[in-house]
C-alpha atoms as a PDB file:
ATOM      1  CA  MET A   1       0.000   0.000   0.000  1.00  0.00           C
ATOM      2  CA  THR A   2       1.139   3.559  -0.746  1.00  0.00           C
ATOM      3  CA  ILE A   3       0.173   6.946   0.648  1.00  0.00           C
ATOM      4  CA  ALA A   4      -2.067   7.257  -2.403  1.00  0.00           C
ATOM      5  CA  ALA A   5      -3.927   4.096  -1.402  1.00  0.00           C
ATOM      6  CA  ALA A   6      -4.332   5.368   2.168  1.00  0.00           C
ATOM      7  CA  CYS A   7      -5.699   8.609   0.743  1.00  0.00           C
ATOM      8  CA  ASP A   8      -8.155   6.620  -1.389  1.00  0.00           C
ATOM      9  CA  GLN A   9      -9.451   4.770   1.662  1.00  0.00           C
ATOM     10  CA  GLY A  10      -9.704   7.932   3.710  1.00  0.00           C
ATOM     11  CA  PHE A  11     -11.562   9.751   0.968  1.00  0.00           C
ATOM     12  CA  ALA A  12     -14.392   7.214   0.776  1.00  0.00           C
ATOM     13  CA  PRO A  13     -16.567   8.857   3.500  1.00  0.00           C
ATOM     14  CA  ALA A  14     -16.060  12.312   1.961  1.00  0.00           C
ATOM     15  CA  LEU A  15     -16.941  11.029  -1.510  1.00  0.00           C
ATOM     16  CA  GLU A  16     -20.104   9.485  -0.101  1.00  0.00           C
ATOM     17  CA  ALA A  17     -21.020  12.787   1.583  1.00  0.00           C
ATOM     18  CA  VAL A  18     -20.612  14.594  -1.740  1.00  0.00           C
ATOM     19  CA  GLU A  19     -22.623  12.005  -3.656  1.00  0.00           C
ATOM     20  CA  ARG A  20     -25.445  12.197  -1.091  1.00  0.00           C
ATOM     21  CA  GLY A  21     -25.498  15.977  -1.389  1.00  0.00           C
ATOM     22  CA  ARG A  22     -24.550  16.644   2.227  1.00  0.00           C
ATOM     23  CA  ILE A  23     -21.565  18.766   1.208  1.00  0.00           C
ATOM     24  CA  PRO A  24     -20.979  20.389  -2.186  1.00  0.00           C
ATOM     25  CA  GLY A  25     -17.317  19.469  -2.557  1.00  0.00           C
ATOM     26  CA  ALA A  26     -14.311  18.012  -0.774  1.00  0.00           C
ATOM     27  CA  ALA A  27     -10.542  17.836  -1.125  1.00  0.00           C
ATOM     28  CA  LEU A  28      -8.469  15.396   0.903  1.00  0.00           C
ATOM     29  CA  GLY A  29      -4.708  15.684   0.944  1.00  0.00           C
ATOM     30  CA  MET A  30      -2.061  13.591   2.686  1.00  0.00           C
ATOM     31  CA  VAL A  31       1.656  14.220   3.085  1.00  0.00           C
ATOM     32  CA  SER A  32       4.506  12.466   4.864  1.00  0.00           C
ATOM     33  CA  ALA A  33       7.645  13.934   6.414  1.00  0.00           C
ATOM     34  CA  ASP A  34       9.728  12.583   3.509  1.00  0.00           C
ATOM     35  CA  GLY A  35       7.566  14.389   0.949  1.00  0.00           C
ATOM     36  CA  GLN A  36       5.216  11.697  -0.325  1.00  0.00           C
ATOM     37  CA  SER A  37       1.798  13.189  -0.997  1.00  0.00           C
ATOM     38  CA  ALA A  38      -1.588  12.451  -2.512  1.00  0.00           C
ATOM     39  CA  VAL A  39      -4.726  14.498  -3.178  1.00  0.00           C
ATOM     40  CA  ARG A  40      -8.294  13.441  -3.941  1.00  0.00           C
ATOM     41  CA  LEU A  41     -11.116  15.731  -5.093  1.00  0.00           C
ATOM     42  CA  ALA A  42     -14.852  15.457  -5.626  1.00  0.00           C
ATOM     43  CA  GLY A  43     -17.869  17.681  -6.153  1.00  0.00           C
ATOM     44  CA  MET A  44     -18.462  21.345  -6.689  1.00  0.00           C
ATOM     45  CA  ALA A  45     -16.626  24.524  -5.767  1.00  0.00           C
ATOM     46  CA  ALA A  46     -19.986  26.283  -6.102  1.00  0.00           C
ATOM     47  CA  ARG A  47     -23.608  25.326  -6.614  1.00  0.00           C
ATOM     48  CA  VAL A  48     -25.121  28.810  -6.713  1.00  0.00           C
ATOM     49  CA  PRO A  49     -25.448  31.231  -8.347  1.00  0.00           C
ATOM     50  CA  ASP A  50     -23.480  29.213 -10.943  1.00  0.00           C
ATOM     51  CA  ARG A  51     -22.249  25.650 -10.812  1.00  0.00           C
ATOM     52  CA  GLU A  52     -18.480  25.227 -10.798  1.00  0.00           C
ATOM     53  CA  ALA A  53     -16.510  21.996 -10.500  1.00  0.00           C
ATOM     54  CA  LEU A  54     -13.869  21.763  -7.780  1.00  0.00           C
ATOM     55  CA  THR A  55     -10.257  21.624  -8.985  1.00  0.00           C
ATOM     56  CA  ARG A  56      -6.906  21.224  -7.280  1.00  0.00           C
ATOM     57  CA  GLY A  57      -6.193  24.910  -7.922  1.00  0.00           C
ATOM     58  CA  HIS A  58      -9.215  26.221  -6.024  1.00  0.00           C
ATOM     59  CA  TRP A  59      -8.623  28.333  -2.917  1.00  0.00           C
ATOM     60  CA  PHE A  60     -10.637  27.417   0.178  1.00  0.00           C
ATOM     61  CA  ASP A  61     -11.671  29.836   2.909  1.00  0.00           C
ATOM     62  CA  LEU A  62      -9.705  28.148   5.703  1.00  0.00           C
ATOM     63  CA  ALA A  63     -11.693  29.868   8.490  1.00  0.00           C
ATOM     64  CA  SER A  64     -10.193  29.012  11.910  1.00  0.00           C
ATOM     65  CA  LEU A  65      -7.240  27.203  10.373  1.00  0.00           C
ATOM     66  CA  SER A  66      -6.058  30.815  10.181  1.00  0.00           C
ATOM     67  CA  LYS A  67      -5.506  30.551  13.939  1.00  0.00           C
ATOM     68  CA  VAL A  68      -2.878  27.825  13.639  1.00  0.00           C
ATOM     69  CA  ILE A  69      -1.382  28.139  10.151  1.00  0.00           C
ATOM     70  CA  ALA A  70      -0.969  31.908  10.407  1.00  0.00           C
ATOM     71  CA  THR A  71      -1.454  33.499  13.841  1.00  0.00           C
ATOM     72  CA  THR A  72       0.013  30.785  16.077  1.00  0.00           C
ATOM     73  CA  THR A  73       2.955  30.237  13.752  1.00  0.00           C
ATOM     74  CA  ILE A  74       3.737  33.956  13.550  1.00  0.00           C
ATOM     75  CA  ILE A  75       3.469  34.393  17.333  1.00  0.00           C
ATOM     76  CA  LEU A  76       5.829  31.454  17.937  1.00  0.00           C
ATOM     77  CA  LYS A  77       8.322  32.757  15.401  1.00  0.00           C
ATOM     78  CA  LEU A  78       8.276  36.176  17.060  1.00  0.00           C
ATOM     79  CA  ALA A  79       8.781  34.470  20.423  1.00  0.00           C
ATOM     80  CA  ASP A  80      11.744  32.531  19.043  1.00  0.00           C
ATOM     81  CA  GLN A  81      13.214  35.832  17.827  1.00  0.00           C
ATOM     82  CA  GLY A  82      12.844  37.288  21.327  1.00  0.00           C
ATOM     83  CA  ARG A  83      10.324  39.880  20.182  1.00  0.00           C
ATOM     84  CA  LEU A  84       7.683  38.686  22.659  1.00  0.00           C
ATOM     85  CA  GLY A  85       7.450  36.387  25.678  1.00  0.00           C
ATOM     86  CA  LEU A  86       4.712  33.766  25.697  1.00  0.00           C
ATOM     87  CA  ASP A  87       4.147  34.286  29.406  1.00  0.00           C
ATOM     88  CA  ARG A  88       4.326  38.047  29.199  1.00  0.00           C
ATOM     89  CA  PRO A  89       1.156  40.190  29.092  1.00  0.00           C
ATOM     90  CA  LEU A  90      -0.354  41.315  25.801  1.00  0.00           C
ATOM     91  CA  THR A  91       0.253  44.873  26.988  1.00  0.00           C
ATOM     92  CA  ASP A  92       3.920  44.434  26.059  1.00  0.00           C
ATOM     93  CA  ALA A  93       2.700  44.727  22.460  1.00  0.00           C
ATOM     94  CA  ILE A  94      -0.578  46.592  23.056  1.00  0.00           C
ATOM     95  CA  PRO A  95       0.069  49.105  25.866  1.00  0.00           C
ATOM     96  CA  ASP A  96      -3.260  50.820  25.147  1.00  0.00           C
ATOM     97  CA  LEU A  97      -5.315  47.688  25.869  1.00  0.00           C
ATOM     98  CA  ARG A  98      -8.088  48.852  28.261  1.00  0.00           C
ATOM     99  CA  GLN A  99      -6.054  52.033  28.718  1.00  0.00           C
ATOM    100  CA  TYR A 100      -8.757  53.804  30.749  1.00  0.00           C
ATOM    101  CA  ASP A 101      -8.522  51.221  33.543  1.00  0.00           C
ATOM    102  CA  VAL A 102      -4.810  50.523  33.801  1.00  0.00           C
ATOM    103  CA  ALA A 103      -4.977  49.350  37.404  1.00  0.00           C
ATOM    104  CA  GLY A 104      -8.125  47.245  37.367  1.00  0.00           C
ATOM    105  CA  ALA A 105      -8.716  45.832  33.879  1.00  0.00           C
ATOM    106  CA  ALA A 106      -8.336  42.049  33.816  1.00  0.00           C
ATOM    107  CA  GLU A 107      -7.677  42.202  30.070  1.00  0.00           C
ATOM    108  CA  ARG A 108      -4.362  43.889  30.834  1.00  0.00           C
ATOM    109  CA  ARG A 109      -3.193  40.798  32.716  1.00  0.00           C
ATOM    110  CA  LEU A 110      -3.843  38.374  29.850  1.00  0.00           C
ATOM    111  CA  THR A 111      -0.712  36.733  28.478  1.00  0.00           C
ATOM    112  CA  PHE A 112       0.083  35.563  24.976  1.00  0.00           C
ATOM    113  CA  ARG A 113      -0.091  31.973  26.235  1.00  0.00           C
ATOM    114  CA  ASP A 114      -3.511  32.556  27.835  1.00  0.00           C
ATOM    115  CA  CYS A 115      -4.875  33.559  24.457  1.00  0.00           C
ATOM    116  CA  LEU A 116      -3.029  30.898  22.437  1.00  0.00           C
ATOM    117  CA  MET A 117      -4.351  28.145  24.708  1.00  0.00           C
ATOM    118  CA  HIS A 118      -7.866  29.603  25.069  1.00  0.00           C
ATOM    119  CA  GLN A 119      -7.395  29.868  28.826  1.00  0.00           C
ATOM    120  CA  SER A 120      -8.682  33.420  29.136  1.00  0.00           C
ATOM    121  CA  PHE A 121     -12.051  34.595  30.494  1.00  0.00           C
ATOM    122  CA  LEU A 122     -13.051  36.063  27.114  1.00  0.00           C
ATOM    123  CA  PRO A 123     -16.286  34.996  25.354  1.00  0.00           C
ATOM    124  CA  ALA A 124     -16.321  32.649  22.393  1.00  0.00           C
ATOM    125  CA  VAL A 125     -17.508  35.256  19.907  1.00  0.00           C
ATOM    126  CA  GLU A 126     -19.081  38.703  19.661  1.00  0.00           C
ATOM    127  CA  PRO A 127     -20.838  40.277  16.632  1.00  0.00           C
ATOM    128  CA  ILE A 128     -18.155  42.943  16.287  1.00  0.00           C
ATOM    129  CA  TYR A 129     -19.228  43.668  12.710  1.00  0.00           C
ATOM    130  CA  THR A 130     -22.537  45.086  13.967  1.00  0.00           C
ATOM    131  CA  TYR A 131     -20.782  47.927  15.813  1.00  0.00           C
ATOM    132  CA  GLY A 132     -19.625  49.826  12.718  1.00  0.00           C
ATOM    133  CA  ASP A 133     -17.940  49.609   9.331  1.00  0.00           C
ATOM    134  CA  ASP A 134     -14.557  51.245   9.991  1.00  0.00           C
ATOM    135  CA  PRO A 135     -11.881  48.551  10.564  1.00  0.00           C
ATOM    136  CA  GLU A 136      -9.684  50.826  12.673  1.00  0.00           C
ATOM    137  CA  ARG A 137     -12.599  51.896  14.846  1.00  0.00           C
ATOM    138  CA  LEU A 138     -13.561  48.245  15.332  1.00  0.00           C
ATOM    139  CA  ARG A 139     -10.003  47.413  16.397  1.00  0.00           C
ATOM    140  CA  ALA A 140     -10.229  50.232  18.933  1.00  0.00           C
ATOM    141  CA  PHE A 141     -13.564  48.829  20.104  1.00  0.00           C
ATOM    142  CA  VAL A 142     -11.979  45.400  20.673  1.00  0.00           C
ATOM    143  CA  LEU A 143      -9.150  46.938  22.690  1.00  0.00           C
ATOM    144  CA  GLN A 144     -11.241  49.250  24.870  1.00  0.00           C
ATOM    145  CA  ARG A 145     -14.310  47.073  25.467  1.00  0.00           C
ATOM    146  CA  GLU A 146     -14.801  45.696  28.959  1.00  0.00           C
ATOM    147  CA  TRP A 147     -15.381  42.079  28.005  1.00  0.00           C
ATOM    148  CA  ARG A 148     -17.822  39.963  29.976  1.00  0.00           C
ATOM    149  CA  HIS A 149     -16.119  37.305  32.090  1.00  0.00           C
ATOM    150  CA  GLY A 150     -16.747  33.572  31.935  1.00  0.00           C
ATOM    151  CA  PRO A 151     -14.998  30.203  32.188  1.00  0.00           C
ATOM    152  CA  PRO A 152     -12.273  29.481  29.626  1.00  0.00           C
ATOM    153  CA  VAL A 153     -13.785  28.654  26.227  1.00  0.00           C
ATOM    154  CA  TYR A 154     -12.542  28.407  22.664  1.00  0.00           C
ATOM    155  CA  SER A 155     -12.587  32.095  21.770  1.00  0.00           C
ATOM    156  CA  ASP A 156     -12.225  34.070  18.553  1.00  0.00           C
ATOM    157  CA  ILE A 157     -11.595  37.144  20.697  1.00  0.00           C
ATOM    158  CA  ASN A 158      -8.363  35.599  22.014  1.00  0.00           C
ATOM    159  CA  PHE A 159      -7.019  35.410  18.474  1.00  0.00           C
ATOM    160  CA  ILE A 160      -8.325  38.768  17.337  1.00  0.00           C
ATOM    161  CA  LEU A 161      -6.208  40.242  20.140  1.00  0.00           C
ATOM    162  CA  LEU A 162      -3.209  38.144  19.082  1.00  0.00           C
ATOM    163  CA  GLY A 163      -3.613  39.383  15.521  1.00  0.00           C
ATOM    164  CA  ILE A 164      -3.584  42.987  16.709  1.00  0.00           C
ATOM    165  CA  ALA A 165      -0.476  42.226  18.791  1.00  0.00           C
ATOM    166  CA  ILE A 166       1.306  40.860  15.715  1.00  0.00           C
ATOM    167  CA  GLU A 167       0.463  44.006  13.780  1.00  0.00           C
ATOM    168  CA  ARG A 168       1.806  46.188  16.592  1.00  0.00           C
ATOM    169  CA  ILE A 169       5.054  44.208  16.937  1.00  0.00           C
ATOM    170  CA  THR A 170       5.800  43.945  13.218  1.00  0.00           C
ATOM    171  CA  GLY A 171       4.378  47.266  12.089  1.00  0.00           C
ATOM    172  CA  ALA A 172       2.581  45.497   9.239  1.00  0.00           C
ATOM    173  CA  ARG A 173      -0.784  43.943   8.553  1.00  0.00           C
ATOM    174  CA  LEU A 174      -1.233  40.191   8.932  1.00  0.00           C
ATOM    175  CA  SER A 175      -1.799  40.015   5.197  1.00  0.00           C
ATOM    176  CA  ASP A 176       1.791  41.188   4.631  1.00  0.00           C
ATOM    177  CA  TRP A 177       3.334  38.131   6.356  1.00  0.00           C
ATOM    178  CA  PRO A 178       4.700  35.569   3.826  1.00  0.00           C
ATOM    179  CA  LEU A 179       3.069  32.209   4.536  1.00  0.00           C
ATOM    180  CA  GLY A 180       4.252  30.092   1.629  1.00  0.00           C
ATOM    181  CA  GLU A 181       2.955  29.124  -1.783  1.00  0.00           C
ATOM    182  CA  GLY A 182      -0.756  28.351  -1.837  1.00  0.00           C
ATOM    183  CA  LEU A 183      -1.513  30.271   1.377  1.00  0.00           C
ATOM    184  CA  GLY A 184      -2.489  33.880   1.957  1.00  0.00           C
ATOM    185  CA  PHE A 185      -5.044  36.243   3.329  1.00  0.00           C
ATOM    186  CA  GLY A 186      -7.725  37.092   0.807  1.00  0.00           C
ATOM    187  CA  PRO A 187      -8.711  37.843  -1.767  1.00  0.00           C
ATOM    188  CA  PRO A 188      -7.003  34.765  -3.208  1.00  0.00           C
ATOM    189  CA  PRO A 189      -5.057  35.006  -6.479  1.00  0.00           C
ATOM    190  CA  GLY A 190      -6.909  32.117  -8.120  1.00  0.00           C
ATOM    191  CA  PRO A 191     -10.358  30.521  -8.360  1.00  0.00           C
ATOM    192  CA  ALA A 192     -12.151  30.472  -4.991  1.00  0.00           C
ATOM    193  CA  VAL A 193     -14.514  27.974  -3.416  1.00  0.00           C
ATOM    194  CA  ALA A 194     -17.917  29.455  -2.563  1.00  0.00           C
ATOM    195  CA  THR A 195     -19.124  29.513   1.024  1.00  0.00           C
ATOM    196  CA  GLU A 196     -22.363  30.923   2.388  1.00  0.00           C
ATOM    197  CA  TYR A 197     -25.035  33.273   1.129  1.00  0.00           C
ATOM    198  CA  CYS A 198     -24.629  36.087   3.657  1.00  0.00           C
ATOM    199  CA  SER A 199     -27.801  37.972   4.484  1.00  0.00           C
ATOM    200  CA  TRP A 200     -25.745  40.890   5.854  1.00  0.00           C
ATOM    201  CA  ARG A 201     -23.677  41.299   2.689  1.00  0.00           C
ATOM    202  CA  GLY A 202     -26.436  40.172   0.323  1.00  0.00           C
ATOM    203  CA  ARG A 203     -24.447  37.689  -1.736  1.00  0.00           C
ATOM    204  CA  VAL A 204     -22.768  34.295  -1.811  1.00  0.00           C
ATOM    205  CA  MET A 205     -19.278  34.724  -0.410  1.00  0.00           C
ATOM    206  CA  LYS A 206     -16.643  33.665  -2.931  1.00  0.00           C
ATOM    207  CA  GLY A 207     -13.125  35.007  -2.709  1.00  0.00           C
ATOM    208  CA  ALA A 208     -14.070  37.180   0.286  1.00  0.00           C
ATOM    209  CA  VAL A 209     -13.810  35.878   3.843  1.00  0.00           C
ATOM    210  CA  HIS A 210     -16.908  34.125   5.157  1.00  0.00           C
ATOM    211  CA  ASP A 211     -16.418  35.208   8.779  1.00  0.00           C
ATOM    212  CA  GLU A 212     -18.300  38.453   9.355  1.00  0.00           C
ATOM    213  CA  ASN A 213     -15.919  39.830  11.974  1.00  0.00           C
ATOM    214  CA  ALA A 214     -12.829  39.140   9.876  1.00  0.00           C
ATOM    215  CA  PHE A 215     -14.527  40.798   6.898  1.00  0.00           C
ATOM    216  CA  ALA A 216     -15.317  43.884   8.981  1.00  0.00           C
ATOM    217  CA  LEU A 217     -11.728  44.003  10.267  1.00  0.00           C
ATOM    218  CA  SER A 218     -10.522  44.533   6.666  1.00  0.00           C
ATOM    219  CA  GLY A 219     -10.564  40.857   5.677  1.00  0.00           C
ATOM    220  CA  ALA A 220      -7.560  39.643   7.661  1.00  0.00           C
ATOM    221  CA  ALA A 221      -7.723  39.025  11.406  1.00  0.00           C
ATOM    222  CA  GLY A 222      -6.063  36.753  13.924  1.00  0.00           C
ATOM    223  CA  HIS A 223      -8.959  34.305  13.988  1.00  0.00           C
ATOM    224  CA  ALA A 224      -9.983  34.078  10.308  1.00  0.00           C
ATOM    225  CA  GLY A 225      -9.312  35.411   6.817  1.00  0.00           C
ATOM    226  CA  LEU A 226      -6.732  32.931   5.509  1.00  0.00           C
ATOM    227  CA  PHE A 227      -7.273  31.202   2.156  1.00  0.00           C
ATOM    228  CA  GLY A 228      -5.386  28.206   0.859  1.00  0.00           C
ATOM    229  CA  THR A 229      -5.228  25.496  -1.769  1.00  0.00           C
ATOM    230  CA  VAL A 230      -5.027  21.876  -0.708  1.00  0.00           C
ATOM    231  CA  ASP A 231      -1.363  21.852  -1.769  1.00  0.00           C
ATOM    232  CA  GLY A 232      -0.704  25.028   0.205  1.00  0.00           C
ATOM    233  CA  VAL A 233      -2.046  23.434   3.385  1.00  0.00           C
ATOM    234  CA  LEU A 234      -0.043  20.263   2.710  1.00  0.00           C
ATOM    235  CA  GLY A 235       3.117  22.340   2.247  1.00  0.00           C
ATOM    236  CA  PHE A 236       2.614  23.865   5.678  1.00  0.00           C
ATOM    237  CA  ALA A 237       1.937  20.431   7.201  1.00  0.00           C
ATOM    238  CA  ARG A 238       5.092  18.918   5.709  1.00  0.00           C
ATOM    239  CA  ALA A 239       7.175  21.803   7.091  1.00  0.00           C
ATOM    240  CA  MET A 240       5.691  21.104  10.522  1.00  0.00           C
ATOM    241  CA  LEU A 241       6.562  17.411  10.195  1.00  0.00           C
ATOM    242  CA  ASP A 242      10.117  17.870   8.969  1.00  0.00           C
ATOM    243  CA  GLY A 243      10.913  20.573  11.526  1.00  0.00           C
ATOM    244  CA  THR A 244      11.522  23.434   9.097  1.00  0.00           C
ATOM    245  CA  MET A 245       8.456  25.516  10.034  1.00  0.00           C
ATOM    246  CA  LEU A 246       9.264  26.172  13.703  1.00  0.00           C
ATOM    247  CA  ALA A 247      12.365  26.136  15.880  1.00  0.00           C
ATOM    248  CA  PRO A 248      12.577  23.028  18.127  1.00  0.00           C
ATOM    249  CA  ALA A 249      11.575  24.887  21.299  1.00  0.00           C
ATOM    250  CA  MET A 250       8.536  26.402  19.593  1.00  0.00           C
ATOM    251  CA  LEU A 251       7.548  23.092  18.004  1.00  0.00           C
ATOM    252  CA  ALA A 252       7.632  21.605  21.508  1.00  0.00           C
ATOM    253  CA  GLU A 253       5.086  24.250  22.551  1.00  0.00           C
ATOM    254  CA  VAL A 254       2.527  23.003  20.015  1.00  0.00           C
ATOM    255  CA  ARG A 255       3.143  19.345  20.919  1.00  0.00           C
ATOM    256  CA  ALA A 256       3.120  19.772  24.704  1.00  0.00           C
ATOM    257  CA  ALA A 257       0.786  17.498  26.665  1.00  0.00           C
ATOM    258  CA  ASN A 258      -1.442  19.019  29.352  1.00  0.00           C
ATOM    259  CA  ASP A 259      -4.787  18.525  31.051  1.00  0.00           C
ATOM    260  CA  HIS A 260      -6.665  20.875  28.711  1.00  0.00           C
ATOM    261  CA  HIS A 261      -6.073  18.977  25.428  1.00  0.00           C
ATOM    262  CA  ARG A 262      -4.915  22.346  24.086  1.00  0.00           C
ATOM    263  CA  THR A 263      -1.402  23.474  23.298  1.00  0.00           C
ATOM    264  CA  CYS A 264      -0.285  26.799  21.873  1.00  0.00           C
ATOM    265  CA  GLY A 265      -2.951  27.283  19.238  1.00  0.00           C
ATOM    266  CA  TRP A 266      -3.653  23.614  18.522  1.00  0.00           C
ATOM    267  CA  GLU A 267      -5.583  20.733  20.043  1.00  0.00           C
ATOM    268  CA  ARG A 268      -3.876  17.473  20.977  1.00  0.00           C
ATOM    269  CA  ALA A 269      -5.533  14.132  20.336  1.00  0.00           C
ATOM    270  CA  PHE A 270      -7.987  12.911  22.956  1.00  0.00           C
ATOM    271  CA  PRO A 271     -10.681  10.197  22.897  1.00  0.00           C
ATOM    272  CA  GLY A 272     -13.556  11.189  20.653  1.00  0.00           C
ATOM    273  CA  TRP A 273     -11.852  14.187  19.073  1.00  0.00           C
ATOM    274  CA  HIS A 274     -12.365  15.405  15.508  1.00  0.00           C
ATOM    275  CA  GLY A 275      -9.269  13.653  14.145  1.00  0.00           C
ATOM    276  CA  GLY A 276     -10.471  10.152  14.994  1.00  0.00           C
ATOM    277  CA  ASP A 277      -9.264   7.718  17.632  1.00  0.00           C
ATOM    278  CA  ALA A 278      -6.785   5.868  15.406  1.00  0.00           C
ATOM    279  CA  CYS A 279      -4.186   8.646  15.398  1.00  0.00           C
ATOM    280  CA  SER A 280      -1.326   8.611  17.895  1.00  0.00           C
ATOM    281  CA  ALA A 281      -1.280  10.588  21.137  1.00  0.00           C
ATOM    282  CA  ASP A 282       1.354  12.814  19.504  1.00  0.00           C
ATOM    283  CA  THR A 283      -1.126  14.295  17.036  1.00  0.00           C
ATOM    284  CA  ILE A 284      -2.270  17.898  16.818  1.00  0.00           C
ATOM    285  CA  GLY A 285      -5.194  19.236  14.839  1.00  0.00           C
ATOM    286  CA  HIS A 286      -7.599  22.075  14.247  1.00  0.00           C
ATOM    287  CA  THR A 287     -10.834  22.664  12.363  1.00  0.00           C
ATOM    288  CA  GLY A 288     -12.482  25.588  10.599  1.00  0.00           C
ATOM    289  CA  PHE A 289     -16.154  26.598  10.565  1.00  0.00           C
ATOM    290  CA  THR A 290     -16.449  26.551   6.772  1.00  0.00           C
ATOM    291  CA  GLY A 291     -15.699  22.817   6.813  1.00  0.00           C
ATOM    292  CA  THR A 292     -11.915  22.671   6.868  1.00  0.00           C
ATOM    293  CA  GLY A 293      -9.460  20.751   9.038  1.00  0.00           C
ATOM    294  CA  LEU A 294      -5.792  19.807   9.422  1.00  0.00           C
ATOM    295  CA  TRP A 295      -4.227  17.010  11.498  1.00  0.00           C
ATOM    296  CA  ILE A 296      -0.525  16.244  11.995  1.00  0.00           C
ATOM    297  CA  ASP A 297       0.583  12.917  13.496  1.00  0.00           C
ATOM    298  CA  PHE A 298       4.209  13.374  14.524  1.00  0.00           C
ATOM    299  CA  GLU A 299       4.660   9.797  15.741  1.00  0.00           C
ATOM    300  CA  ARG A 300       3.750   8.373  12.341  1.00  0.00           C
ATOM    301  CA  GLY A 301       5.230  11.246  10.351  1.00  0.00           C
ATOM    302  CA  VAL A 302       2.084  11.879   8.335  1.00  0.00           C
ATOM    303  CA  ALA A 303      -0.497  14.674   8.065  1.00  0.00           C
ATOM    304  CA  TRP A 304      -3.828  15.093   6.331  1.00  0.00           C
ATOM    305  CA  THR A 305      -6.185  17.915   5.502  1.00  0.00           C
ATOM    306  CA  LEU A 306      -9.880  17.666   4.709  1.00  0.00           C
ATOM    307  CA  LEU A 307     -11.183  20.806   3.018  1.00  0.00           C
ATOM    308  CA  THR A 308     -14.892  21.205   2.298  1.00  0.00           C
ATOM    309  CA  ASN A 309     -17.359  24.023   1.682  1.00  0.00           C
ATOM    310  CA  ARG A 310     -19.995  22.549   3.959  1.00  0.00           C
ATOM    311  CA  VAL A 311     -21.574  25.994   4.620  1.00  0.00           C
ATOM    312  CA  HIS A 312     -22.441  26.484   0.935  1.00  0.00           C
ATOM    313  CA  PRO A 313     -24.993  27.837   0.347  1.00  0.00           C
ATOM    314  CA  THR A 314     -26.027  27.944   4.036  1.00  0.00           C
ATOM    315  CA  ARG A 315     -24.722  26.963   7.452  1.00  0.00           C
ATOM    316  CA  HIS A 316     -28.287  26.130   8.517  1.00  0.00           C
ATOM    317  CA  ALA A 317     -28.234  22.552   7.249  1.00  0.00           C
ATOM    318  CA  ASP A 318     -26.911  19.283   8.636  1.00  0.00           C
ATOM    319  CA  SER A 319     -23.787  18.567   6.594  1.00  0.00           C
ATOM    320  CA  GLY A 320     -22.644  15.735   8.862  1.00  0.00           C
ATOM    321  CA  ILE A 321     -19.183  17.323   9.126  1.00  0.00           C
ATOM    322  CA  ALA A 322     -18.826  16.408  12.816  1.00  0.00           C
ATOM    323  CA  ALA A 323     -19.028  12.703  11.974  1.00  0.00           C
ATOM    324  CA  LEU A 324     -17.207  12.986   8.641  1.00  0.00           C
ATOM    325  CA  ARG A 325     -13.947  14.332  10.038  1.00  0.00           C
ATOM    326  CA  PRO A 326     -13.179  11.470  12.457  1.00  0.00           C
ATOM    327  CA  ALA A 327     -14.419   8.908   9.921  1.00  0.00           C
ATOM    328  CA  VAL A 328     -11.831  10.148   7.430  1.00  0.00           C
ATOM    329  CA  GLY A 329      -9.096  10.177  10.082  1.00  0.00           C
ATOM    330  CA  GLU A 330      -9.930   6.651  11.248  1.00  0.00           C
ATOM    331  CA  ARG A 331      -9.702   5.247   7.721  1.00  0.00           C
ATOM    332  CA  ILE A 332      -6.487   7.065   6.905  1.00  0.00           C
ATOM    333  CA  MET A 333      -4.654   5.935  10.024  1.00  0.00           C
ATOM    334  CA  THR A 334      -5.937   2.371   9.836  1.00  0.00           C
ATOM    335  CA  ALA A 335      -4.765   2.120   6.228  1.00  0.00           C
ATOM    336  CA  TRP A 336      -1.430   3.746   7.101  1.00  0.00           C
ATOM    337  CA  ASP A 337      -0.791   1.277   9.901  1.00  0.00           C
ATOM    338  CA  GLU A 338      -1.601  -1.652   7.638  1.00  0.00           C
ATOM    339  CA  TRP A 339       0.933  -0.359   5.109  1.00  0.00           C
ATOM    340  CA  GLU A 340       3.584   0.132   7.806  1.00  0.00           C
ATOM    341  CA  ARG A 341       3.158  -3.466   8.968  1.00  0.00           C
ATOM    342  CA  LEU A 342       3.858  -4.866   5.507  1.00  0.00           C
END
């Protein structure tokens, strides 16, 4: 068996989902640390307003994969360069965070690690886009708002703050950071996969970020806005596997075991997680709301990405993505192990 055969077996549940009409299209890619790769495609890049077949060159809205491929990676590279400390407060980069309550604001005590690991008190999400249409004013709103407190949850606000911190440290927009071929903040330079019909914007989103808050924040934010081809995502995954993406100390941060199942930016494998139970304990992964996902198994030296447009033309339908992701992971890893035993 080859990596191509493992990809074939893993793609079977996604192909079935496309054929049953649960998702419009799907791309599955696999890559190993030594550079072997395989890609499988099926279905449509768009159903409405015009039908368009999915190709290998199409750019997907990666949604929250932006958090790990872009924001987390940039933060860890800046940390490795000594330009920030993971356990230092965000105010090192954003001294005006809650500047009218310097002594009492809890936001001023948040660290980079708190936000990377979603261990802050910040809410999961807030409709920031409803507060205005000026990106700079909305950034100021994020920084000066007294956020409601709650238990630690997976939070877009954590990563919006991290994105602002990156911009302050580097003096450039997130969209200016080079991320590698086949990856970039939108609009993408090639054909784009359609996502949702947005009632706020009055059109099917295609080539513009699906996430409303990222759109309002000029299209590129710490939590969303990244686009990528299947080969672009695989290129990032291979660089994570072969150790060329991050310095060893920073790579250890994303692989570190803890009681929260979260590392810096990523999730680690745990029973019942979205990557399937057949992957090793030394596996990290992340998903995106539009129907994307990336998993990297360091023990086996293999990674896979499942990219879909499950929100097209609406998020208000049962795409079955929650069951599809682990089903794909289970088949891939089972097939990989069978090959390794030969």
